[in-house]
Amino acid sequence: MAEIVITKENFDEEVRNYKGMPILLDLWAGWCGPCMMLAPIVEEVADELDGKIKVGKIDVDDQPELAMAFKAESIPLLVVVKDGVVQKQAVGYRSKEDIYDLLGVYPDIK
């Protein structure tokens, strides 16, 4: 599943009112080194867990209101949302395994 760019305009539809799979939100910025290191890992997780999770990207520079709503004082910030409720958060670079643990969802072993 492709990552979805989350904005204040689509936030209600894509996150707040979404019922179903857990959502992994990646709050990031283009100037943030750890964010750039984490981006390909988040993309891999999105591909490997396709159909099990939804992945959204929030650029904190473009969406300051959403950054404030999630109290993003440091980035990268990963947020797990289920049925419109924040379940977990993690700040900083994370390994793929750490992200799976954060989500509580794992890829099928082939």
PDB file of N, CA and C in Angstrom:
ATOM      1  N   MET A   1       0.852  -1.179   0.000  1.00  0.00           N
ATOM      2  CA  MET A   1       0.000   0.000   0.000  1.00  0.00           C
ATOM      3  C   MET A   1       0.890   1.230   0.000  1.00  0.00           C
ATOM      4  N   ALA A   2       0.569   2.151  -0.823  1.00  0.00           N
ATOM      5  CA  ALA A   2       1.328   3.388  -0.887  1.00  0.00           C
ATOM      6  C   ALA A   2       1.074   4.222   0.368  1.00  0.00           C
ATOM      7  N   GLU A   3       2.074   4.974   0.748  1.00  0.00           N
ATOM      8  CA  GLU A   3       1.912   5.889   1.860  1.00  0.00           C
ATOM      9  C   GLU A   3       1.008   7.042   1.408  1.00  0.00           C
ATOM     10  N   ILE A   4       0.181   7.509   2.316  1.00  0.00           N
ATOM     11  CA  ILE A   4      -0.763   8.579   2.021  1.00  0.00           C
ATOM     12  C   ILE A   4      -0.232   9.870   2.645  1.00  0.00           C
ATOM     13  N   VAL A   5      -0.232  10.938   1.885  1.00  0.00           N
ATOM     14  CA  VAL A   5       0.138  12.239   2.433  1.00  0.00           C
ATOM     15  C   VAL A   5      -1.067  12.761   3.212  1.00  0.00           C
ATOM     16  N   ILE A   6      -0.870  12.979   4.502  1.00  0.00           N
ATOM     17  CA  ILE A   6      -1.948  13.440   5.368  1.00  0.00           C
ATOM     18  C   ILE A   6      -1.829  14.955   5.529  1.00  0.00           C
ATOM     19  N   THR A   7      -2.941  15.630   5.293  1.00  0.00           N
ATOM     20  CA  THR A   7      -3.015  17.073   5.452  1.00  0.00           C
ATOM     21  C   THR A   7      -4.191  17.397   6.364  1.00  0.00           C
ATOM     22  N   LYS A   8      -4.290  18.658   6.768  1.00  0.00           N
ATOM     23  CA  LYS A   8      -5.449  19.026   7.595  1.00  0.00           C
ATOM     24  C   LYS A   8      -6.745  18.858   6.820  1.00  0.00           C
ATOM     25  N   GLU A   9      -6.666  18.944   5.483  1.00  0.00           N
ATOM     26  CA  GLU A   9      -7.858  18.789   4.654  1.00  0.00           C
ATOM     27  C   GLU A   9      -8.368  17.346   4.599  1.00  0.00           C
ATOM     28  N   ASN A  10      -7.477  16.357   4.623  1.00  0.00           N
ATOM     29  CA  ASN A  10      -7.929  14.965   4.531  1.00  0.00           C
ATOM     30  C   ASN A  10      -7.792  14.200   5.853  1.00  0.00           C
ATOM     31  N   PHE A  11      -7.373  14.872   6.916  1.00  0.00           N
ATOM     32  CA  PHE A  11      -7.121  14.202   8.196  1.00  0.00           C
ATOM     33  C   PHE A  11      -8.361  13.496   8.739  1.00  0.00           C
ATOM     34  N   ASP A  12      -9.501  14.165   8.733  1.00  0.00           N
ATOM     35  CA  ASP A  12     -10.712  13.544   9.278  1.00  0.00           C
ATOM     36  C   ASP A  12     -11.057  12.268   8.530  1.00  0.00           C
ATOM     37  N   GLU A  13     -11.039  12.326   7.208  1.00  0.00           N
ATOM     38  CA  GLU A  13     -11.398  11.159   6.397  1.00  0.00           C
ATOM     39  C   GLU A  13     -10.379  10.028   6.522  1.00  0.00           C
ATOM     40  N   GLU A  14      -9.100  10.369   6.451  1.00  0.00           N
ATOM     41  CA  GLU A  14      -8.052   9.343   6.405  1.00  0.00           C
ATOM     42  C   GLU A  14      -7.637   8.818   7.780  1.00  0.00           C
ATOM     43  N   VAL A  15      -7.837   9.617   8.836  1.00  0.00           N
ATOM     44  CA  VAL A  15      -7.345   9.213  10.164  1.00  0.00           C
ATOM     45  C   VAL A  15      -8.453   9.251  11.217  1.00  0.00           C
ATOM     46  N   ARG A  16      -8.956  10.418  11.530  1.00  0.00           N
ATOM     47  CA  ARG A  16      -9.878  10.573  12.667  1.00  0.00           C
ATOM     48  C   ARG A  16     -11.126   9.707  12.538  1.00  0.00           C
ATOM     49  N   ASN A  17     -11.750   9.675  11.372  1.00  0.00           N
ATOM     50  CA  ASN A  17     -12.999   8.939  11.199  1.00  0.00           C
ATOM     51  C   ASN A  17     -12.808   7.571  10.553  1.00  0.00           C
ATOM     52  N   TYR A  18     -11.559   7.174  10.323  1.00  0.00           N
ATOM     53  CA  TYR A  18     -11.281   5.898   9.664  1.00  0.00           C
ATOM     54  C   TYR A  18     -11.470   4.755  10.653  1.00  0.00           C
ATOM     55  N   LYS A  19     -12.241   3.772  10.249  1.00  0.00           N
ATOM     56  CA  LYS A  19     -12.456   2.566  11.063  1.00  0.00           C
ATOM     57  C   LYS A  19     -11.895   1.388  10.281  1.00  0.00           C
ATOM     58  N   GLY A  20     -11.112   0.601  10.922  1.00  0.00           N
ATOM     59  CA  GLY A  20     -10.529  -0.549  10.237  1.00  0.00           C
ATOM     60  C   GLY A  20      -9.123  -0.817  10.720  1.00  0.00           C
ATOM     61  N   MET A  21      -8.206  -0.898   9.766  1.00  0.00           N
ATOM     62  CA  MET A  21      -6.814  -1.238  10.076  1.00  0.00           C
ATOM     63  C   MET A  21      -6.165  -0.160  10.941  1.00  0.00           C
ATOM     64  N   PRO A  22      -5.144  -0.552  11.706  1.00  0.00           N
ATOM     65  CA  PRO A  22      -4.354   0.464  12.406  1.00  0.00           C
ATOM     66  C   PRO A  22      -3.680   1.382  11.378  1.00  0.00           C
ATOM     67  N   ILE A  23      -3.432   2.610  11.795  1.00  0.00           N
ATOM     68  CA  ILE A  23      -2.764   3.588  10.947  1.00  0.00           C
ATOM     69  C   ILE A  23      -1.430   3.945  11.589  1.00  0.00           C
ATOM     70  N   LEU A  24      -0.366   3.884  10.812  1.00  0.00           N
ATOM     71  CA  LEU A  24       0.944   4.343  11.245  1.00  0.00           C
ATOM     72  C   LEU A  24       1.165   5.710  10.623  1.00  0.00           C
ATOM     73  N   LEU A  25       1.297   6.732  11.466  1.00  0.00           N
ATOM     74  CA  LEU A  25       1.576   8.072  10.985  1.00  0.00           C
ATOM     75  C   LEU A  25       3.042   8.394  11.232  1.00  0.00           C
ATOM     76  N   ASP A  26       3.711   8.890  10.209  1.00  0.00           N
ATOM     77  CA  ASP A  26       5.113   9.290  10.290  1.00  0.00           C
ATOM     78  C   ASP A  26       5.159  10.808  10.179  1.00  0.00           C
ATOM     79  N   LEU A  27       5.448  11.484  11.295  1.00  0.00           N
ATOM     80  CA  LEU A  27       5.599  12.935  11.287  1.00  0.00           C
ATOM     81  C   LEU A  27       7.070  13.235  11.048  1.00  0.00           C
ATOM     82  N   TRP A  28       7.357  14.005  10.001  1.00  0.00           N
ATOM     83  CA  TRP A  28       8.720  14.176   9.523  1.00  0.00           C
ATOM     84  C   TRP A  28       8.911  15.579   8.938  1.00  0.00           C
ATOM     85  N   ALA A  29      10.161  15.875   8.559  1.00  0.00           N
ATOM     86  CA  ALA A  29      10.495  17.104   7.836  1.00  0.00           C
ATOM     87  C   ALA A  29      11.692  16.821   6.936  1.00  0.00           C
ATOM     88  N   GLY A  30      11.757  17.531   5.828  1.00  0.00           N
ATOM     89  CA  GLY A  30      12.821  17.312   4.852  1.00  0.00           C
ATOM     90  C   GLY A  30      14.213  17.655   5.348  1.00  0.00           C
ATOM     91  N   TRP A  31      14.324  18.508   6.342  1.00  0.00           N
ATOM     92  CA  TRP A  31      15.618  18.923   6.887  1.00  0.00           C
ATOM     93  C   TRP A  31      16.110  18.006   8.010  1.00  0.00           C
ATOM     94  N   CYS A  32      15.299  17.024   8.387  1.00  0.00           N
ATOM     95  CA  CYS A  32      15.580  16.154   9.540  1.00  0.00           C
ATOM     96  C   CYS A  32      16.317  14.894   9.090  1.00  0.00           C
ATOM     97  N   GLY A  33      17.582  14.774   9.469  1.00  0.00           N
ATOM     98  CA  GLY A  33      18.390  13.613   9.087  1.00  0.00           C
ATOM     99  C   GLY A  33      17.792  12.282   9.514  1.00  0.00           C
ATOM    100  N   PRO A  34      17.442  12.123  10.808  1.00  0.00           N
ATOM    101  CA  PRO A  34      16.840  10.859  11.225  1.00  0.00           C
ATOM    102  C   PRO A  34      15.536  10.547  10.485  1.00  0.00           C
ATOM    103  N   CYS A  35      14.777  11.591  10.114  1.00  0.00           N
ATOM    104  CA  CYS A  35      13.542  11.385   9.339  1.00  0.00           C
ATOM    105  C   CYS A  35      13.867  10.778   7.980  1.00  0.00           C
ATOM    106  N   MET A  36      14.932  11.264   7.357  1.00  0.00           N
ATOM    107  CA  MET A  36      15.332  10.757   6.043  1.00  0.00           C
ATOM    108  C   MET A  36      15.831   9.316   6.143  1.00  0.00           C
ATOM    109  N   MET A  37      16.471   8.979   7.262  1.00  0.00           N
ATOM    110  CA  MET A  37      16.926   7.603   7.480  1.00  0.00           C
ATOM    111  C   MET A  37      15.746   6.665   7.722  1.00  0.00           C
ATOM    112  N   LEU A  38      14.712   7.179   8.373  1.00  0.00           N
ATOM    113  CA  LEU A  38      13.547   6.365   8.714  1.00  0.00           C
ATOM    114  C   LEU A  38      12.603   6.165   7.530  1.00  0.00           C
ATOM    115  N   ALA A  39      12.559   7.118   6.609  1.00  0.00           N
ATOM    116  CA  ALA A  39      11.599   7.097   5.500  1.00  0.00           C
ATOM    117  C   ALA A  39      11.591   5.792   4.708  1.00  0.00           C
ATOM    118  N   PRO A  40      12.764   5.259   4.279  1.00  0.00           N
ATOM    119  CA  PRO A  40      12.706   4.008   3.512  1.00  0.00           C
ATOM    120  C   PRO A  40      12.229   2.818   4.343  1.00  0.00           C
ATOM    121  N   ILE A  41      12.463   2.858   5.642  1.00  0.00           N
ATOM    122  CA  ILE A  41      12.001   1.772   6.511  1.00  0.00           C
ATOM    123  C   ILE A  41      10.482   1.824   6.622  1.00  0.00           C
ATOM    124  N   VAL A  42       9.932   3.015   6.786  1.00  0.00           N
ATOM    125  CA  VAL A  42       8.475   3.164   6.852  1.00  0.00           C
ATOM    126  C   VAL A  42       7.852   2.704   5.538  1.00  0.00           C
ATOM    127  N   GLU A  43       8.498   3.026   4.430  1.00  0.00           N
ATOM    128  CA  GLU A  43       7.993   2.592   3.119  1.00  0.00           C
ATOM    129  C   GLU A  43       8.002   1.065   3.008  1.00  0.00           C
ATOM    130  N   GLU A  44       9.072   0.427   3.491  1.00  0.00           N
ATOM    131  CA  GLU A  44       9.143  -1.045   3.478  1.00  0.00           C
ATOM    132  C   GLU A  44       8.038  -1.646   4.340  1.00  0.00           C
ATOM    133  N   VAL A  45       7.825  -1.074   5.521  1.00  0.00           N
ATOM    134  CA  VAL A  45       6.769  -1.562   6.417  1.00  0.00           C
ATOM    135  C   VAL A  45       5.414  -1.431   5.721  1.00  0.00           C
ATOM    136  N   ALA A  46       5.177  -0.310   5.043  1.00  0.00           N
ATOM    137  CA  ALA A  46       3.918  -0.106   4.320  1.00  0.00           C
ATOM    138  C   ALA A  46       3.728  -1.190   3.269  1.00  0.00           C
ATOM    139  N   ASP A  47       4.795  -1.522   2.543  1.00  0.00           N
ATOM    140  CA  ASP A  47       4.706  -2.560   1.509  1.00  0.00           C
ATOM    141  C   ASP A  47       4.501  -3.944   2.119  1.00  0.00           C
ATOM    142  N   GLU A  48       5.278  -4.255   3.162  1.00  0.00           N
ATOM    143  CA  GLU A  48       5.237  -5.595   3.757  1.00  0.00           C
ATOM    144  C   GLU A  48       3.946  -5.863   4.525  1.00  0.00           C
ATOM    145  N   LEU A  49       3.319  -4.806   5.033  1.00  0.00           N
ATOM    146  CA  LEU A  49       2.082  -4.969   5.800  1.00  0.00           C
ATOM    147  C   LEU A  49       0.867  -4.485   5.014  1.00  0.00           C
ATOM    148  N   ASP A  50       0.995  -4.463   3.709  1.00  0.00           N
ATOM    149  CA  ASP A  50      -0.108  -4.049   2.848  1.00  0.00           C
ATOM    150  C   ASP A  50      -1.352  -4.876   3.155  1.00  0.00           C
ATOM    151  N   GLY A  51      -2.455  -4.203   3.402  1.00  0.00           N
ATOM    152  CA  GLY A  51      -3.695  -4.893   3.742  1.00  0.00           C
ATOM    153  C   GLY A  51      -3.872  -5.102   5.234  1.00  0.00           C
ATOM    154  N   LYS A  52      -2.813  -4.856   6.027  1.00  0.00           N
ATOM    155  CA  LYS A  52      -2.890  -5.010   7.479  1.00  0.00           C
ATOM    156  C   LYS A  52      -2.835  -3.677   8.208  1.00  0.00           C
ATOM    157  N   ILE A  53      -2.167  -2.690   7.582  1.00  0.00           N
ATOM    158  CA  ILE A  53      -2.086  -1.350   8.155  1.00  0.00           C
ATOM    159  C   ILE A  53      -2.237  -0.320   7.035  1.00  0.00           C
ATOM    160  N   LYS A  54      -2.490   0.897   7.461  1.00  0.00           N
ATOM    161  CA  LYS A  54      -2.513   2.052   6.573  1.00  0.00           C
ATOM    162  C   LYS A  54      -1.375   2.960   7.051  1.00  0.00           C
ATOM    163  N   VAL A  55      -0.643   3.572   6.126  1.00  0.00           N
ATOM    164  CA  VAL A  55       0.495   4.411   6.496  1.00  0.00           C
ATOM    165  C   VAL A  55       0.291   5.818   5.956  1.00  0.00           C
ATOM    166  N   GLY A  56       0.426   6.790   6.848  1.00  0.00           N
ATOM    167  CA  GLY A  56       0.306   8.185   6.461  1.00  0.00           C
ATOM    168  C   GLY A  56       1.560   8.958   6.811  1.00  0.00           C
ATOM    169  N   LYS A  57       1.892   9.943   5.969  1.00  0.00           N
ATOM    170  CA  LYS A  57       3.057  10.803   6.190  1.00  0.00           C
ATOM    171  C   LYS A  57       2.551  12.221   6.439  1.00  0.00           C
ATOM    172  N   ILE A  58       3.057  12.849   7.498  1.00  0.00           N
ATOM    173  CA  ILE A  58       2.708  14.233   7.810  1.00  0.00           C
ATOM    174  C   ILE A  58       3.983  15.055   7.838  1.00  0.00           C
ATOM    175  N   ASP A  59       4.117  15.972   6.888  1.00  0.00           N
ATOM    176  CA  ASP A  59       5.252  16.895   6.853  1.00  0.00           C
ATOM    177  C   ASP A  59       4.937  18.002   7.859  1.00  0.00           C
ATOM    178  N   VAL A  60       5.701  18.058   8.954  1.00  0.00           N
ATOM    179  CA  VAL A  60       5.386  19.003  10.030  1.00  0.00           C
ATOM    180  C   VAL A  60       5.558  20.455   9.602  1.00  0.00           C
ATOM    181  N   ASP A  61       6.394  20.707   8.594  1.00  0.00           N
ATOM    182  CA  ASP A  61       6.551  22.076   8.105  1.00  0.00           C
ATOM    183  C   ASP A  61       5.333  22.513   7.290  1.00  0.00           C
ATOM    184  N   ASP A  62       4.768  21.594   6.519  1.00  0.00           N
ATOM    185  CA  ASP A  62       3.593  21.899   5.703  1.00  0.00           C
ATOM    186  C   ASP A  62       2.295  21.834   6.507  1.00  0.00           C
ATOM    187  N   GLN A  63       2.304  21.076   7.599  1.00  0.00           N
ATOM    188  CA  GLN A  63       1.085  20.851   8.391  1.00  0.00           C
ATOM    189  C   GLN A  63       1.332  21.168   9.876  1.00  0.00           C
ATOM    190  N   PRO A  64       1.638  22.430  10.200  1.00  0.00           N
ATOM    191  CA  PRO A  64       1.940  22.753  11.600  1.00  0.00           C
ATOM    192  C   PRO A  64       0.779  22.496  12.555  1.00  0.00           C
ATOM    193  N   GLU A  65      -0.460  22.613  12.055  1.00  0.00           N
ATOM    194  CA  GLU A  65      -1.608  22.361  12.924  1.00  0.00           C
ATOM    195  C   GLU A  65      -1.650  20.898  13.371  1.00  0.00           C
ATOM    196  N   LEU A  66      -1.347  19.990  12.445  1.00  0.00           N
ATOM    197  CA  LEU A  66      -1.330  18.568  12.801  1.00  0.00           C
ATOM    198  C   LEU A  66      -0.153  18.264  13.719  1.00  0.00           C
ATOM    199  N   ALA A  67       0.992  18.882  13.458  1.00  0.00           N
ATOM    200  CA  ALA A  67       2.150  18.688  14.341  1.00  0.00           C
ATOM    201  C   ALA A  67       1.804  19.121  15.761  1.00  0.00           C
ATOM    202  N   MET A  68       1.125  20.239  15.887  1.00  0.00           N
ATOM    203  CA  MET A  68       0.715  20.719  17.212  1.00  0.00           C
ATOM    204  C   MET A  68      -0.314  19.782  17.840  1.00  0.00           C
ATOM    205  N   ALA A  69      -1.238  19.269  17.035  1.00  0.00           N
ATOM    206  CA  ALA A  69      -2.270  18.368  17.551  1.00  0.00           C
ATOM    207  C   ALA A  69      -1.656  17.100  18.145  1.00  0.00           C
ATOM    208  N   PHE A  70      -0.561  16.634  17.533  1.00  0.00           N
ATOM    209  CA  PHE A  70       0.123  15.432  18.040  1.00  0.00           C
ATOM    210  C   PHE A  70       1.232  15.774  19.028  1.00  0.00           C
ATOM    211  N   LYS A  71       1.359  17.060  19.365  1.00  0.00           N
ATOM    212  CA  LYS A  71       2.388  17.521  20.317  1.00  0.00           C
ATOM    213  C   LYS A  71       3.777  17.055  19.878  1.00  0.00           C
ATOM    214  N   ALA A  72       4.056  17.229  18.581  1.00  0.00           N
ATOM    215  CA  ALA A  72       5.328  16.783  18.002  1.00  0.00           C
ATOM    216  C   ALA A  72       6.435  17.772  18.343  1.00  0.00           C
ATOM    217  N   GLU A  73       7.045  17.576  19.495  1.00  0.00           N
ATOM    218  CA  GLU A  73       8.157  18.434  19.909  1.00  0.00           C
ATOM    219  C   GLU A  73       9.472  17.964  19.299  1.00  0.00           C
ATOM    220  N   SER A  74       9.558  16.692  18.968  1.00  0.00           N
ATOM    221  CA  SER A  74      10.738  16.113  18.335  1.00  0.00           C
ATOM    222  C   SER A  74      10.270  15.201  17.209  1.00  0.00           C
ATOM    223  N   ILE A  75      11.089  15.144  16.165  1.00  0.00           N
ATOM    224  CA  ILE A  75      10.782  14.266  15.037  1.00  0.00           C
ATOM    225  C   ILE A  75      12.028  13.467  14.690  1.00  0.00           C
ATOM    226  N   PRO A  76      11.894  12.341  14.028  1.00  0.00           N
ATOM    227  CA  PRO A  76      10.643  11.752  13.572  1.00  0.00           C
ATOM    228  C   PRO A  76       9.779  11.276  14.742  1.00  0.00           C
ATOM    229  N   LEU A  77       8.489  11.357  14.527  1.00  0.00           N
ATOM    230  CA  LEU A  77       7.515  10.883  15.497  1.00  0.00           C
ATOM    231  C   LEU A  77       6.610   9.895  14.788  1.00  0.00           C
ATOM    232  N   LEU A  78       6.566   8.681  15.296  1.00  0.00           N
ATOM    233  CA  LEU A  78       5.664   7.660  14.777  1.00  0.00           C
ATOM    234  C   LEU A  78       4.479   7.550  15.723  1.00  0.00           C
ATOM    235  N   VAL A  79       3.285   7.572  15.152  1.00  0.00           N
ATOM    236  CA  VAL A  79       2.051   7.508  15.941  1.00  0.00           C
ATOM    237  C   VAL A  79       1.184   6.391  15.379  1.00  0.00           C
ATOM    238  N   VAL A  80       0.702   5.526  16.250  1.00  0.00           N
ATOM    239  CA  VAL A  80      -0.220   4.469  15.849  1.00  0.00           C
ATOM    240  C   VAL A  80      -1.625   4.892  16.280  1.00  0.00           C
ATOM    241  N   VAL A  81      -2.536   4.942  15.304  1.00  0.00           N
ATOM    242  CA  VAL A  81      -3.923   5.335  15.543  1.00  0.00           C
ATOM    243  C   VAL A  81      -4.819   4.171  15.142  1.00  0.00           C
ATOM    244  N   LYS A  82      -5.796   3.867  15.979  1.00  0.00           N
ATOM    245  CA  LYS A  82      -6.772   2.815  15.679  1.00  0.00           C
ATOM    246  C   LYS A  82      -8.152   3.363  16.003  1.00  0.00           C
ATOM    247  N   ASP A  83      -9.034   3.341  15.015  1.00  0.00           N
ATOM    248  CA  ASP A  83     -10.401   3.834  15.173  1.00  0.00           C
ATOM    249  C   ASP A  83     -10.430   5.262  15.730  1.00  0.00           C
ATOM    250  N   GLY A  84      -9.515   6.104  15.242  1.00  0.00           N
ATOM    251  CA  GLY A  84      -9.487   7.510  15.610  1.00  0.00           C
ATOM    252  C   GLY A  84      -8.822   7.825  16.934  1.00  0.00           C
ATOM    253  N   VAL A  85      -8.276   6.803  17.612  1.00  0.00           N
ATOM    254  CA  VAL A  85      -7.665   6.999  18.926  1.00  0.00           C
ATOM    255  C   VAL A  85      -6.175   6.671  18.854  1.00  0.00           C
ATOM    256  N   VAL A  86      -5.353   7.577  19.389  1.00  0.00           N
ATOM    257  CA  VAL A  86      -3.913   7.327  19.442  1.00  0.00           C
ATOM    258  C   VAL A  86      -3.651   6.176  20.407  1.00  0.00           C
ATOM    259  N   GLN A  87      -2.957   5.156  19.918  1.00  0.00           N
ATOM    260  CA  GLN A  87      -2.642   3.980  20.725  1.00  0.00           C
ATOM    261  C   GLN A  87      -1.227   4.041  21.305  1.00  0.00           C
ATOM    262  N   LYS A  88      -0.265   4.436  20.444  1.00  0.00           N
ATOM    263  CA  LYS A  88       1.143   4.466  20.858  1.00  0.00           C
ATOM    264  C   LYS A  88       1.861   5.553  20.077  1.00  0.00           C
ATOM    265  N   GLN A  89       2.995   5.996  20.647  1.00  0.00           N
ATOM    266  CA  GLN A  89       3.869   6.951  19.970  1.00  0.00           C
ATOM    267  C   GLN A  89       5.305   6.579  20.243  1.00  0.00           C
ATOM    268  N   ALA A  90       6.182   6.915  19.298  1.00  0.00           N
ATOM    269  CA  ALA A  90       7.620   6.691  19.483  1.00  0.00           C
ATOM    270  C   ALA A  90       8.364   7.813  18.764  1.00  0.00           C
ATOM    271  N   VAL A  91       9.326   8.401  19.463  1.00  0.00           N
ATOM    272  CA  VAL A  91      10.118   9.490  18.905  1.00  0.00           C
ATOM    273  C   VAL A  91      11.493   8.958  18.525  1.00  0.00           C
ATOM    274  N   GLY A  92      11.977   9.416  17.371  1.00  0.00           N
ATOM    275  CA  GLY A  92      13.333   9.074  16.945  1.00  0.00           C
ATOM    276  C   GLY A  92      13.368   7.923  15.964  1.00  0.00           C
ATOM    277  N   TYR A  93      14.564   7.669  15.478  1.00  0.00           N
ATOM    278  CA  TYR A  93      14.780   6.592  14.522  1.00  0.00           C
ATOM    279  C   TYR A  93      14.420   5.257  15.154  1.00  0.00           C
ATOM    280  N   ARG A  94      13.798   4.389  14.372  1.00  0.00           N
ATOM    281  CA  ARG A  94      13.419   3.049  14.828  1.00  0.00           C
ATOM    282  C   ARG A  94      13.766   2.035  13.748  1.00  0.00           C
ATOM    283  N   SER A  95      14.127   0.832  14.179  1.00  0.00           N
ATOM    284  CA  SER A  95      14.365  -0.249  13.221  1.00  0.00           C
ATOM    285  C   SER A  95      13.017  -0.773  12.740  1.00  0.00           C
ATOM    286  N   LYS A  96      13.048  -1.545  11.670  1.00  0.00           N
ATOM    287  CA  LYS A  96      11.817  -2.143  11.139  1.00  0.00           C
ATOM    288  C   LYS A  96      11.158  -3.025  12.202  1.00  0.00           C
ATOM    289  N   GLU A  97      11.962  -3.792  12.922  1.00  0.00           N
ATOM    290  CA  GLU A  97      11.427  -4.675  13.966  1.00  0.00           C
ATOM    291  C   GLU A  97      10.759  -3.858  15.075  1.00  0.00           C
ATOM    292  N   ASP A  98      11.362  -2.718  15.429  1.00  0.00           N
ATOM    293  CA  ASP A  98      10.768  -1.846  16.451  1.00  0.00           C
ATOM    294  C   ASP A  98       9.411  -1.325  15.980  1.00  0.00           C
ATOM    295  N   ILE A  99       9.312  -1.011  14.693  1.00  0.00           N
ATOM    296  CA  ILE A  99       8.045  -0.500  14.153  1.00  0.00           C
ATOM    297  C   ILE A  99       6.990  -1.601  14.173  1.00  0.00           C
ATOM    298  N   TYR A 100       7.376  -2.835  13.827  1.00  0.00           N
ATOM    299  CA  TYR A 100       6.432  -3.952  13.920  1.00  0.00           C
ATOM    300  C   TYR A 100       5.942  -4.107  15.360  1.00  0.00           C
ATOM    301  N   ASP A 101       6.862  -4.024  16.316  1.00  0.00           N
ATOM    302  CA  ASP A 101       6.481  -4.146  17.724  1.00  0.00           C
ATOM    303  C   ASP A 101       5.555  -3.007  18.141  1.00  0.00           C
ATOM    304  N   LEU A 102       5.838  -1.802  17.674  1.00  0.00           N
ATOM    305  CA  LEU A 102       4.999  -0.648  17.974  1.00  0.00           C
ATOM    306  C   LEU A 102       3.582  -0.876  17.465  1.00  0.00           C
ATOM    307  N   LEU A 103       3.477  -1.418  16.254  1.00  0.00           N
ATOM    308  CA  LEU A 103       2.185  -1.683  15.639  1.00  0.00           C
ATOM    309  C   LEU A 103       1.495  -2.911  16.223  1.00  0.00           C
ATOM    310  N   GLY A 104       2.295  -3.882  16.667  1.00  0.00           N
ATOM    311  CA  GLY A 104       1.728  -5.155  17.087  1.00  0.00           C
ATOM    312  C   GLY A 104       1.229  -5.965  15.907  1.00  0.00           C
ATOM    313  N   VAL A 105       1.762  -5.653  14.706  1.00  0.00           N
ATOM    314  CA  VAL A 105       1.390  -6.315  13.468  1.00  0.00           C
ATOM    315  C   VAL A 105       2.678  -6.751  12.785  1.00  0.00           C
ATOM    316  N   TYR A 106       2.678  -7.965  12.239  1.00  0.00           N
ATOM    317  CA  TYR A 106       3.881  -8.507  11.639  1.00  0.00           C
ATOM    318  C   TYR A 106       3.586  -9.038  10.230  1.00  0.00           C
ATOM    319  N   PRO A 107       4.594  -9.020   9.365  1.00  0.00           N
ATOM    320  CA  PRO A 107       4.374  -9.546   8.002  1.00  0.00           C
ATOM    321  C   PRO A 107       4.223 -11.059   8.023  1.00  0.00           C
ATOM    322  N   ASP A 108       3.528 -11.571   7.016  1.00  0.00           N
ATOM    323  CA  ASP A 108       3.419 -13.019   6.855  1.00  0.00           C
ATOM    324  C   ASP A 108       4.781 -13.531   6.413  1.00  0.00           C
ATOM    325  N   ILE A 109       5.224 -14.624   7.002  1.00  0.00           N
ATOM    326  CA  ILE A 109       6.499 -15.226   6.630  1.00  0.00           C
ATOM    327  C   ILE A 109       6.244 -16.126   5.423  1.00  0.00           C
ATOM    328  N   LYS A 110       7.009 -15.898   4.372  1.00  0.00           N
ATOM    329  CA  LYS A 110       6.814 -16.672   3.138  1.00  0.00           C
ATOM    330  C   LYS A 110       7.933 -17.647   2.931  1.00  0.00           C
TER     331      LYS A 110
END
